[in-house]
Amino acid sequence: MTRNLILVLGDQLSHDLVSLRDADPEKDRILMAEVQEEGRYVPHHPKKILLILSAMRHFAQELQERGFRVDYVQLDDPDNTGSLPGELERARTRLDPQGIELCEPGEWRLLEVFRALQDDWPDLHIHEDERFFCSHERFARWATDRKQLRMEFFYREMRKQHGLLLDADGGPEGGSWNFDAENRKALPKGLTVPDQPHFPADEITRAVEKLVAAHFDDHYGTLAGFDYPVTAVEAERLWQEFLDQGMPHFGDYQDAMADDQPYLFHARIAAAMNIGLLSPHRVCLDVQAAWQAGDIPLNAAEGFIRQILGWREYVRGIYWLLMPDYAARNALGNTRDLPDFYWTGKTRMKCMQQAIGQTLEHGYAHHIQRLMVTGNFALLTGIEPKQICDWYLAVYMDAFDWVELPNTLGMVMHADGGYLGSKPYCASGQYIKRMSNHCQGCSYKVSEQTGEAACPFNSLYWHFLMRHREQLGGNQRMKMIYGNLDRMTDSKKSALWDWGETLLARLDQGKAL
């Protein structure tokens, strides 16, 4: 007889998962299932599918080595129903367990599916995921009665609550909560970028690679060259090598970009963390310890912890607080289709070539590339939020709905009207020039604002500001920007508007820029 049937999802590969905490190898059965539906509700990058399925198989093996009985359904199993509810029902019928235990999924879409099953299956218990710093109740309590939420204030409370980077009096180490102003340096010439550790595919990963090639060959993105951790041991090695080699420069250059340098001084741990191979608590404690030991500067330690304890927890809190209505928000009324070159990288804009090209090759781009290049272009051109949100969810290995949707809809597209962030992250080509070397050798000239040779970001930036003045003009953080616009001559404003219209018309005609 089976006491509990425990369903473990592909982003729940942690041995301390709440649903596994009291599991008994003698009495309980674990179910894991690879299903077509989860690989296709958006066209996920083949490397992302390979990562999750290989990591699932390795995790199932670890559970078996710990004495657990694991019912593992492979993608090509002839009896596979193709969906998680279908596989859960099949296992329930076969095993007749006394109860079904599930840690909540990281997507509202799936949570609604399992909640619907509870109407017919009262023995199905859904537990809150406790692998995060902030519970749903804690975030909701913090957000109560606030018309607008600000990550900075949430982050300070989390620092205090969890005792990270605090001095003896409970204040912030270094006298400041945030060293973001020290984290915006462009990459200097001659600075050596650390080598990345490699993770050769084992027999399990090679088998999954063939499976993904056979079942998802119609998805955009390159499958060849997969080189990412699929176990907790491998993820730990990736993390430790970054902590030793990349972290000392992370603070200074976390916003920098460079041609053909996809990783620079970034950790690449987000995907491993988001599927459960690395603990965010451990990571933050490691960073604090490295700073205390004098191995890394404070701006690097604080900047990294802010990404994990601040932004990661903040966007998750907003997701569960406001879904499902949040996904439908479109405060700027955007309707334009996503250009085809987001799926191919075939554009004359070098910065977009670089960001999209490495995304299709590696399933990776760092946060500034996503926010200020591909995201900035989508914002300036008025792309319909769902289309760009689905693109981000599909193409990045670390993208799961709880973290991708608020970052894209709220931070990138300002589609929530400023609930998540105080102003839109819009910029002209000058920002990209300052933070990268992409403008060198680009087909366009960043020094020009209108005409065939001009960087498209320039006129599109001012066009965006002009067409949304009614919504954004009263924002105090936009006052200086609109002041610059107002000081322009009427003829210059007209020229910028007209050239912006020309570029948008070309996009509407299906032309690449």
Protein backbone atom coordinates (compact mmCIF):
# COMPACT_ATOMS: atom_id res chain seq x y z
CA MET A 1 0.00 0.00 0.00
CA THR A 2 1.18 3.51 -0.83
CA ARG A 3 0.77 6.11 1.89
CA ASN A 4 1.57 9.25 -0.13
CA LEU A 5 2.12 9.81 -3.82
CA ILE A 6 4.52 12.78 -4.09
CA LEU A 7 4.66 14.63 -7.40
CA VAL A 8 7.98 16.40 -7.99
CA LEU A 9 8.07 18.91 -10.85
CA GLY A 10 10.99 19.85 -13.08
CA ASP A 11 11.81 23.05 -11.16
CA GLN A 12 11.63 21.34 -7.76
CA LEU A 13 14.86 19.36 -7.77
CA SER A 14 15.77 20.01 -4.13
CA HIS A 15 16.11 17.32 -1.49
CA ASP A 16 14.73 19.75 1.12
CA LEU A 17 11.54 20.33 -0.89
CA VAL A 18 8.60 20.73 1.47
CA SER A 19 6.73 17.78 -0.04
CA LEU A 20 9.78 15.52 0.45
CA ARG A 21 10.59 16.67 3.97
CA ASP A 22 8.61 13.94 5.75
CA ALA A 23 8.72 11.39 2.96
CA ASP A 24 9.23 7.76 3.99
CA PRO A 25 11.03 5.50 1.48
CA GLU A 26 9.16 2.52 2.86
CA LYS A 27 5.66 3.98 2.60
CA ASP A 28 5.66 6.70 -0.06
CA ARG A 29 6.06 6.78 -3.83
CA ILE A 30 7.54 9.65 -5.84
CA LEU A 31 6.24 10.54 -9.30
CA MET A 32 8.23 12.49 -11.88
CA ALA A 33 7.05 12.93 -15.46
CA GLU A 34 8.41 14.38 -18.70
CA VAL A 35 5.43 15.64 -20.71
CA GLN A 36 4.99 17.29 -24.09
CA GLU A 37 2.61 19.94 -22.77
CA GLU A 38 5.26 21.52 -20.53
CA GLY A 39 7.72 21.74 -23.39
CA ARG A 40 5.27 23.31 -25.82
CA TYR A 41 2.91 25.79 -24.11
CA VAL A 42 5.52 28.25 -25.35
CA PRO A 43 8.28 27.08 -27.74
CA HIS A 44 10.95 26.60 -25.06
CA HIS A 45 14.60 26.75 -26.11
CA PRO A 46 15.87 23.20 -26.80
CA LYS A 47 18.74 23.70 -24.33
CA LYS A 48 16.21 24.66 -21.63
CA ILE A 49 14.23 21.48 -22.23
CA LEU A 50 17.46 19.46 -22.24
CA LEU A 51 18.56 21.05 -18.96
CA ILE A 52 15.30 20.33 -17.16
CA LEU A 53 14.82 16.77 -18.39
CA SER A 54 18.44 15.78 -17.77
CA ALA A 55 18.39 17.37 -14.31
CA MET A 56 15.11 15.55 -13.56
CA ARG A 57 16.60 12.19 -14.50
CA HIS A 58 19.70 12.82 -12.41
CA PHE A 59 17.55 13.89 -9.46
CA ALA A 60 15.38 10.78 -9.78
CA GLN A 61 18.57 8.71 -9.68
CA GLU A 62 19.67 10.50 -6.50
CA LEU A 63 16.29 9.80 -4.88
CA GLN A 64 16.57 6.12 -5.77
CA GLU A 65 20.06 6.01 -4.26
CA ARG A 66 18.49 7.35 -1.06
CA GLY A 67 16.10 4.41 -1.05
CA PHE A 68 12.99 6.04 -2.54
CA ARG A 69 10.75 4.33 -5.05
CA VAL A 70 10.44 6.66 -8.02
CA ASP A 71 7.90 6.24 -10.80
CA TYR A 72 9.61 8.10 -13.63
CA VAL A 73 7.69 8.65 -16.87
CA GLN A 74 9.92 9.43 -19.84
CA LEU A 75 8.81 11.64 -22.72
CA ASP A 76 8.72 8.79 -25.24
CA ASP A 77 6.89 6.32 -22.98
CA PRO A 78 4.05 4.97 -25.19
CA ASP A 79 1.60 5.32 -22.30
CA ASN A 80 2.58 8.93 -21.54
CA THR A 81 -0.56 11.10 -21.58
CA GLY A 82 1.45 14.23 -22.44
CA SER A 83 0.33 16.29 -19.44
CA LEU A 84 1.09 16.46 -15.73
CA PRO A 85 -2.55 16.07 -14.63
CA GLY A 86 -2.83 13.06 -16.93
CA GLU A 87 0.25 11.42 -15.46
CA LEU A 88 -0.87 12.19 -11.92
CA GLU A 89 -4.26 10.62 -12.58
CA ARG A 90 -2.65 7.57 -14.15
CA ALA A 91 -0.37 7.09 -11.11
CA ARG A 92 -3.26 7.68 -8.70
CA THR A 93 -5.31 4.99 -10.42
CA ARG A 94 -2.40 2.57 -10.43
CA LEU A 95 -1.20 3.08 -6.84
CA ASP A 96 -4.39 4.12 -5.00
CA PRO A 97 -2.45 6.25 -2.45
CA GLN A 98 -3.96 7.51 0.77
CA GLY A 99 -2.83 11.03 -0.10
CA ILE A 100 -1.16 13.06 -2.85
CA GLU A 101 1.47 15.62 -1.86
CA LEU A 102 2.61 18.49 -4.08
CA CYS A 103 4.80 21.53 -3.57
CA GLU A 104 3.07 24.41 -5.34
CA PRO A 105 4.24 24.89 -8.95
CA GLY A 106 6.02 28.09 -9.97
CA GLU A 107 3.36 29.03 -12.51
CA TRP A 108 -0.21 30.19 -11.94
CA ARG A 109 -1.23 28.19 -15.02
CA LEU A 110 -0.29 24.92 -13.33
CA LEU A 111 -1.48 25.91 -9.87
CA GLU A 112 -4.98 26.46 -11.28
CA VAL A 113 -4.88 23.03 -12.89
CA PHE A 114 -3.99 21.30 -9.62
CA ARG A 115 -6.48 23.36 -7.62
CA ALA A 116 -9.20 22.22 -10.01
CA LEU A 117 -8.18 18.61 -9.34
CA GLN A 118 -8.66 19.19 -5.61
CA ASP A 119 -12.40 19.56 -6.22
CA ASP A 120 -12.52 15.86 -7.16
CA TRP A 121 -9.48 14.72 -5.20
CA PRO A 122 -9.76 15.93 -1.60
CA ASP A 123 -6.66 13.87 -0.81
CA LEU A 124 -4.51 16.20 -2.94
CA HIS A 125 -2.52 18.57 -0.71
CA ILE A 126 -0.67 21.57 -2.18
CA HIS A 127 2.07 23.05 0.03
CA GLU A 128 3.68 26.47 -0.27
CA ASP A 129 7.20 26.38 -1.65
CA GLU A 130 9.53 27.18 1.27
CA ARG A 131 12.78 27.47 -0.70
CA PHE A 132 12.49 31.27 -0.79
CA PHE A 133 13.28 34.00 1.74
CA CYS A 134 9.80 35.53 1.75
CA SER A 135 6.48 33.69 2.13
CA HIS A 136 3.35 34.73 0.27
CA GLU A 137 1.80 35.92 3.52
CA ARG A 138 4.88 37.93 4.48
CA PHE A 139 4.98 39.72 1.12
CA ALA A 140 1.25 40.41 1.14
CA ARG A 141 1.56 41.89 4.63
CA TRP A 142 4.38 44.17 3.46
CA ALA A 143 2.46 45.24 0.33
CA THR A 144 -0.83 45.99 2.12
CA ASP A 145 -2.10 49.56 1.67
CA ARG A 146 0.77 50.54 -0.66
CA LYS A 147 -0.40 52.12 -3.93
CA GLN A 148 3.01 51.50 -5.47
CA LEU A 149 5.61 48.98 -4.42
CA ARG A 150 9.32 49.71 -4.46
CA MET A 151 11.93 46.98 -4.41
CA GLU A 152 14.41 49.08 -2.44
CA PHE A 153 12.20 49.27 0.66
CA PHE A 154 11.30 45.58 0.46
CA TYR A 155 14.98 44.70 0.07
CA ARG A 156 15.94 46.65 3.19
CA GLU A 157 13.35 44.77 5.23
CA MET A 158 14.64 41.45 3.90
CA ARG A 159 18.23 42.41 4.79
CA LYS A 160 17.13 43.20 8.35
CA GLN A 161 14.97 40.11 8.68
CA HIS A 162 17.68 37.73 7.47
CA GLY A 163 20.69 39.51 8.95
CA LEU A 164 22.63 39.97 5.73
CA LEU A 165 25.36 42.64 5.43
CA LEU A 166 24.36 44.38 8.67
CA ASP A 167 26.74 46.13 11.05
CA ALA A 168 26.75 45.74 14.82
CA ASP A 169 23.97 48.35 15.18
CA GLY A 170 21.71 46.66 12.65
CA GLY A 171 22.43 49.20 9.92
CA PRO A 172 23.86 48.47 6.49
CA GLU A 173 27.53 47.60 6.19
CA GLY A 174 29.42 50.46 4.57
CA GLY A 175 26.78 52.98 5.61
CA SER A 176 24.54 52.46 2.57
CA TRP A 177 21.84 49.96 1.68
CA ASN A 178 22.56 50.13 -2.02
CA PHE A 179 25.81 50.56 -3.98
CA ASP A 180 24.17 50.49 -7.40
CA ALA A 181 25.87 53.75 -8.39
CA GLU A 182 29.21 51.90 -8.18
CA ASN A 183 27.97 49.04 -10.36
CA ARG A 184 27.71 50.79 -13.73
CA LYS A 185 31.23 50.80 -15.14
CA ALA A 186 31.92 50.00 -18.77
CA LEU A 187 34.35 47.21 -19.46
CA PRO A 188 37.91 48.61 -19.80
CA LYS A 189 40.23 47.43 -22.53
CA GLY A 190 42.61 44.67 -21.51
CA LEU A 191 40.59 43.33 -18.58
CA THR A 192 40.69 39.53 -18.64
CA VAL A 193 37.34 37.78 -18.46
CA PRO A 194 37.44 34.53 -16.44
CA ASP A 195 37.16 31.21 -18.24
CA GLN A 196 33.91 29.32 -17.75
CA PRO A 197 33.89 25.84 -16.19
CA HIS A 198 32.75 23.03 -18.47
CA PHE A 199 30.31 20.22 -17.79
CA PRO A 200 30.75 17.37 -20.30
CA ALA A 201 27.55 15.48 -21.08
CA ASP A 202 27.23 12.08 -19.44
CA GLU A 203 25.19 9.13 -20.71
CA ILE A 204 21.94 10.51 -19.27
CA THR A 205 22.39 13.95 -20.84
CA ARG A 206 23.37 12.46 -24.21
CA ALA A 207 20.22 10.33 -24.22
CA VAL A 208 18.05 13.33 -23.37
CA GLU A 209 19.73 15.40 -26.07
CA LYS A 210 18.67 12.83 -28.70
CA LEU A 211 15.15 12.84 -27.28
CA VAL A 212 14.87 16.65 -27.41
CA ALA A 213 16.27 16.71 -30.95
CA ALA A 214 13.60 14.24 -32.04
CA HIS A 215 10.62 15.89 -30.30
CA PHE A 216 11.39 19.63 -30.33
CA ASP A 217 13.30 20.18 -33.57
CA ASP A 218 10.79 22.89 -34.56
CA HIS A 219 11.78 25.15 -31.64
CA TYR A 220 14.09 28.12 -32.08
CA GLY A 221 17.52 27.88 -30.51
CA THR A 222 20.61 25.72 -30.85
CA LEU A 223 20.72 22.34 -29.09
CA ALA A 224 24.35 21.53 -29.91
CA GLY A 225 27.03 22.56 -27.45
CA PHE A 226 25.03 22.12 -24.25
CA ASP A 227 27.39 22.84 -21.34
CA TYR A 228 25.50 23.46 -18.10
CA PRO A 229 25.19 21.80 -14.68
CA VAL A 230 22.51 19.13 -14.38
CA THR A 231 23.21 18.08 -10.77
CA ALA A 232 23.64 19.89 -7.47
CA VAL A 233 27.31 18.85 -7.40
CA GLU A 234 27.93 20.43 -10.80
CA ALA A 235 25.94 23.55 -9.87
CA GLU A 236 28.10 23.91 -6.77
CA ARG A 237 31.24 23.82 -8.91
CA LEU A 238 29.84 26.52 -11.21
CA TRP A 239 28.99 28.66 -8.18
CA GLN A 240 32.35 28.24 -6.44
CA GLU A 241 34.32 29.07 -9.59
CA PHE A 242 32.29 32.24 -10.05
CA LEU A 243 32.71 33.17 -6.39
CA ASP A 244 36.48 32.81 -6.73
CA GLN A 245 37.02 34.29 -10.20
CA GLY A 246 34.03 36.35 -11.30
CA MET A 247 32.62 37.84 -8.12
CA PRO A 248 35.52 40.24 -7.37
CA HIS A 249 34.67 42.18 -10.57
CA PHE A 250 30.91 41.56 -10.60
CA GLY A 251 30.06 44.74 -8.74
CA ASP A 252 31.96 47.05 -11.05
CA TYR A 253 30.97 45.48 -14.36
CA GLN A 254 27.58 43.81 -13.84
CA ASP A 255 25.97 46.26 -16.31
CA ALA A 256 28.70 46.03 -18.96
CA MET A 257 28.30 44.39 -22.37
CA ALA A 258 30.87 43.36 -24.97
CA ASP A 259 30.93 41.76 -28.40
CA ASP A 260 31.07 37.96 -28.33
CA GLN A 261 31.34 37.88 -24.53
CA PRO A 262 28.04 36.42 -23.31
CA TYR A 263 29.07 35.83 -19.69
CA LEU A 264 31.70 38.41 -18.66
CA PHE A 265 31.63 38.53 -14.82
CA HIS A 266 28.21 36.94 -14.36
CA ALA A 267 27.51 33.81 -12.37
CA ARG A 268 25.20 31.90 -14.77
CA ILE A 269 23.58 30.24 -11.75
CA ALA A 270 20.00 31.49 -12.24
CA ALA A 271 18.81 28.42 -14.14
CA ALA A 272 20.38 26.04 -11.61
CA MET A 273 18.87 28.01 -8.74
CA ASN A 274 15.43 28.22 -10.35
CA ILE A 275 15.17 24.45 -10.81
CA GLY A 276 16.41 23.73 -7.30
CA LEU A 277 20.04 22.70 -7.74
CA LEU A 278 21.36 25.66 -5.70
CA SER A 279 19.93 27.23 -2.56
CA PRO A 280 19.49 31.03 -2.64
CA HIS A 281 20.03 31.09 1.13
CA ARG A 282 23.38 29.33 0.80
CA VAL A 283 24.44 31.58 -2.06
CA CYS A 284 23.75 34.77 -0.08
CA LEU A 285 25.56 33.44 2.98
CA ASP A 286 28.55 32.50 0.82
CA VAL A 287 28.70 36.02 -0.61
CA GLN A 288 28.52 37.59 2.84
CA ALA A 289 31.30 35.28 4.07
CA ALA A 290 33.49 36.14 1.07
CA TRP A 291 33.12 39.85 1.80
CA GLN A 292 33.82 39.34 5.51
CA ALA A 293 36.98 37.42 4.57
CA GLY A 294 38.13 40.33 2.40
CA ASP A 295 37.92 38.31 -0.82
CA ILE A 296 35.41 40.56 -2.62
CA PRO A 297 34.54 44.27 -2.39
CA LEU A 298 31.35 45.45 -0.71
CA ASN A 299 29.76 46.77 -3.90
CA ALA A 300 30.05 43.29 -5.42
CA ALA A 301 28.63 41.56 -2.33
CA GLU A 302 25.75 44.00 -1.93
CA GLY A 303 24.96 44.07 -5.66
CA PHE A 304 24.81 40.30 -5.86
CA ILE A 305 22.72 39.85 -2.72
CA ARG A 306 20.36 42.55 -4.01
CA GLN A 307 19.73 40.47 -7.13
CA ILE A 308 18.81 37.39 -5.06
CA LEU A 309 17.29 38.71 -1.84
CA GLY A 310 15.90 41.86 -3.46
CA TRP A 311 14.77 41.51 -7.06
CA ARG A 312 14.23 37.74 -7.16
CA GLU A 313 12.06 37.72 -4.05
CA TYR A 314 10.32 40.99 -4.98
CA VAL A 315 9.13 39.89 -8.41
CA ARG A 316 7.99 36.54 -7.02
CA GLY A 317 5.99 38.34 -4.35
CA ILE A 318 4.29 40.54 -6.94
CA TYR A 319 3.54 37.53 -9.14
CA TRP A 320 1.66 35.58 -6.47
CA LEU A 321 0.05 38.72 -5.05
CA LEU A 322 -1.49 39.90 -8.34
CA MET A 323 -1.99 36.86 -10.56
CA PRO A 324 -3.88 35.99 -12.68
CA ASP A 325 -5.03 39.54 -13.56
CA TYR A 326 -1.46 40.86 -13.62
CA ALA A 327 -0.64 38.93 -16.81
CA ALA A 328 -3.28 40.85 -18.78
CA ARG A 329 -2.04 44.34 -17.91
CA ASN A 330 -1.13 46.65 -20.79
CA ALA A 331 -0.98 50.16 -19.34
CA LEU A 332 0.62 51.70 -22.43
CA GLY A 333 -1.86 50.10 -24.83
CA ASN A 334 0.76 48.32 -26.92
CA THR A 335 -0.46 46.27 -29.90
CA ARG A 336 2.53 45.80 -32.22
CA ASP A 337 3.61 42.26 -33.11
CA LEU A 338 7.01 40.98 -32.04
CA PRO A 339 9.40 41.29 -35.01
CA ASP A 340 10.57 38.04 -36.56
CA PHE A 341 14.21 38.94 -35.95
CA TYR A 342 13.70 38.25 -32.23
CA TRP A 343 13.61 34.58 -33.28
CA THR A 344 16.45 34.73 -35.81
CA GLY A 345 18.82 37.53 -34.81
CA LYS A 346 18.76 38.81 -38.39
CA THR A 347 18.97 42.55 -37.84
CA ARG A 348 21.50 45.25 -38.71
CA MET A 349 21.52 46.55 -35.11
CA LYS A 350 24.70 45.05 -33.69
CA CYS A 351 23.57 45.19 -30.05
CA MET A 352 20.43 43.24 -30.95
CA GLN A 353 22.45 40.80 -33.06
CA GLN A 354 24.68 40.12 -30.08
CA ALA A 355 21.92 39.76 -27.48
CA ILE A 356 19.58 37.67 -29.64
CA GLY A 357 22.40 35.64 -31.22
CA GLN A 358 23.80 34.50 -27.87
CA THR A 359 20.27 33.88 -26.61
CA LEU A 360 19.53 31.49 -29.47
CA GLU A 361 22.94 29.82 -29.03
CA HIS A 362 23.15 29.58 -25.24
CA GLY A 363 19.64 30.26 -23.87
CA TYR A 364 21.31 33.03 -21.87
CA ALA A 365 21.72 36.79 -21.73
CA HIS A 366 22.50 38.81 -18.62
CA HIS A 367 20.05 41.24 -17.06
CA ILE A 368 21.22 44.41 -18.83
CA GLN A 369 21.05 42.77 -22.24
CA ARG A 370 17.49 41.69 -21.48
CA LEU A 371 16.43 45.01 -19.95
CA MET A 372 18.29 47.63 -21.97
CA VAL A 373 18.72 45.98 -25.37
CA THR A 374 16.01 43.48 -26.35
CA GLY A 375 13.62 44.78 -23.69
CA ASN A 376 14.31 48.44 -24.39
CA PHE A 377 13.65 47.91 -28.11
CA ALA A 378 10.35 46.15 -27.35
CA LEU A 379 9.33 49.00 -25.03
CA LEU A 380 10.23 51.75 -27.48
CA THR A 381 8.44 50.07 -30.39
CA GLY A 382 5.27 49.26 -28.44
CA ILE A 383 5.32 45.47 -28.65
CA GLU A 384 2.19 43.80 -27.26
CA PRO A 385 3.19 42.65 -23.73
CA LYS A 386 2.06 39.03 -23.99
CA GLN A 387 4.16 38.45 -27.09
CA ILE A 388 7.39 39.73 -25.57
CA CYS A 389 6.63 37.98 -22.26
CA ASP A 390 6.13 34.69 -24.07
CA TRP A 391 9.40 35.24 -25.96
CA TYR A 392 11.39 35.75 -22.76
CA LEU A 393 9.71 32.73 -21.19
CA ALA A 394 10.58 30.58 -24.19
CA VAL A 395 14.17 31.50 -24.97
CA TYR A 396 15.94 31.69 -21.59
CA MET A 397 17.00 28.63 -19.61
CA ASP A 398 16.31 30.37 -16.31
CA ALA A 399 12.84 31.66 -17.28
CA PHE A 400 9.88 30.45 -15.25
CA ASP A 401 6.63 32.36 -15.13
CA TRP A 402 6.92 33.58 -11.52
CA VAL A 403 10.23 35.34 -12.26
CA GLU A 404 9.92 36.10 -15.99
CA LEU A 405 6.45 37.65 -16.11
CA PRO A 406 6.89 40.46 -13.55
CA ASN A 407 10.38 41.24 -14.83
CA THR A 408 9.17 41.53 -18.41
CA LEU A 409 5.66 42.91 -18.05
CA GLY A 410 6.47 45.25 -15.17
CA MET A 411 10.13 46.17 -15.40
CA VAL A 412 10.80 45.87 -19.14
CA MET A 413 7.45 46.92 -20.61
CA HIS A 414 6.07 49.17 -17.83
CA ALA A 415 2.77 47.48 -18.67
CA ASP A 416 1.64 47.52 -15.05
CA GLY A 417 1.64 51.31 -15.06
CA GLY A 418 4.49 51.66 -12.60
CA TYR A 419 3.38 49.20 -9.91
CA LEU A 420 6.64 47.23 -9.93
CA GLY A 421 9.04 50.02 -10.88
CA SER A 422 8.81 53.77 -10.58
CA LYS A 423 9.61 54.59 -14.22
CA PRO A 424 10.11 52.86 -17.57
CA TYR A 425 13.64 51.66 -18.32
CA CYS A 426 13.88 53.42 -21.68
CA ALA A 427 17.07 54.70 -23.27
CA SER A 428 18.53 55.84 -26.56
CA GLY A 429 21.54 54.34 -28.28
CA GLN A 430 23.81 56.48 -26.10
CA TYR A 431 23.24 54.16 -23.14
CA ILE A 432 24.30 51.14 -25.19
CA LYS A 433 27.36 53.04 -26.44
CA ARG A 434 28.34 53.92 -22.86
CA MET A 435 27.97 50.38 -21.52
CA SER A 436 29.33 48.34 -24.44
CA ASN A 437 31.47 48.24 -27.55
CA HIS A 438 28.53 47.18 -29.71
CA CYS A 439 28.32 50.52 -31.53
CA GLN A 440 31.79 50.01 -32.98
CA GLY A 441 31.36 48.43 -36.38
CA CYS A 442 27.55 48.61 -36.26
CA SER A 443 25.72 49.26 -39.54
CA TYR A 444 24.12 52.28 -37.86
CA LYS A 445 25.72 55.38 -36.36
CA VAL A 446 24.83 56.08 -32.77
CA SER A 447 25.87 59.70 -33.27
CA GLU A 448 22.99 60.27 -35.69
CA GLN A 449 19.33 60.51 -34.71
CA THR A 450 17.39 60.50 -37.95
CA GLY A 451 17.92 59.11 -41.43
CA GLU A 452 18.93 55.75 -42.85
CA ALA A 453 22.32 55.73 -41.11
CA ALA A 454 20.97 56.68 -37.66
CA CYS A 455 20.79 54.24 -34.76
CA PRO A 456 17.09 53.24 -34.54
CA PHE A 457 17.14 53.43 -30.75
CA ASN A 458 17.63 57.22 -30.95
CA SER A 459 14.50 58.35 -32.77
CA LEU A 460 12.43 55.52 -31.28
CA TYR A 461 13.39 56.72 -27.79
CA TRP A 462 12.10 60.23 -28.39
CA HIS A 463 9.08 58.95 -30.28
CA PHE A 464 8.21 56.77 -27.25
CA LEU A 465 8.47 59.76 -24.92
CA MET A 466 6.33 61.94 -27.16
CA ARG A 467 3.55 59.44 -27.75
CA HIS A 468 3.29 58.53 -24.06
CA ARG A 469 3.65 62.01 -22.60
CA GLU A 470 0.14 61.94 -21.17
CA GLN A 471 0.91 58.80 -19.13
CA LEU A 472 4.52 59.59 -18.21
CA GLY A 473 4.88 63.37 -18.21
CA GLY A 474 3.80 63.74 -14.58
CA ASN A 475 6.34 61.21 -13.30
CA GLN A 476 8.91 63.10 -11.23
CA ARG A 477 11.66 60.69 -12.27
CA MET A 478 10.95 61.60 -15.91
CA LYS A 479 11.03 65.36 -15.33
CA MET A 480 14.61 65.89 -16.53
CA ILE A 481 14.04 63.73 -19.61
CA TYR A 482 10.94 65.67 -20.62
CA GLY A 483 12.80 68.89 -19.89
CA ASN A 484 15.37 67.86 -22.51
CA LEU A 485 12.58 67.14 -24.95
CA ASP A 486 10.97 70.52 -24.32
CA ARG A 487 14.23 72.33 -25.04
CA MET A 488 14.37 70.89 -28.54
CA THR A 489 13.24 73.01 -31.46
CA ASP A 490 9.92 72.13 -33.04
CA SER A 491 11.66 71.13 -36.24
CA LYS A 492 13.93 68.68 -34.42
CA LYS A 493 11.00 67.14 -32.56
CA SER A 494 9.10 66.78 -35.82
CA ALA A 495 12.07 65.13 -37.50
CA LEU A 496 12.46 62.65 -34.63
CA TRP A 497 8.73 61.88 -34.65
CA ASP A 498 8.62 61.41 -38.40
CA TRP A 499 11.64 59.13 -38.50
CA GLY A 500 10.26 57.13 -35.59
CA GLU A 501 7.02 56.73 -37.56
CA THR A 502 9.00 55.51 -40.56
CA LEU A 503 10.80 52.88 -38.50
CA LEU A 504 7.60 51.67 -36.84
CA ALA A 505 5.91 51.43 -40.24
CA ARG A 506 8.75 49.23 -41.46
CA LEU A 507 8.26 46.93 -38.50
CA ASP A 508 4.54 46.75 -39.26
CA GLN A 509 5.42 45.73 -42.81
CA GLY A 510 7.50 42.84 -41.47
CA LYS A 511 10.83 44.43 -42.30
CA ALA A 512 13.90 44.05 -40.11
CA LEU A 513 15.78 47.13 -38.97
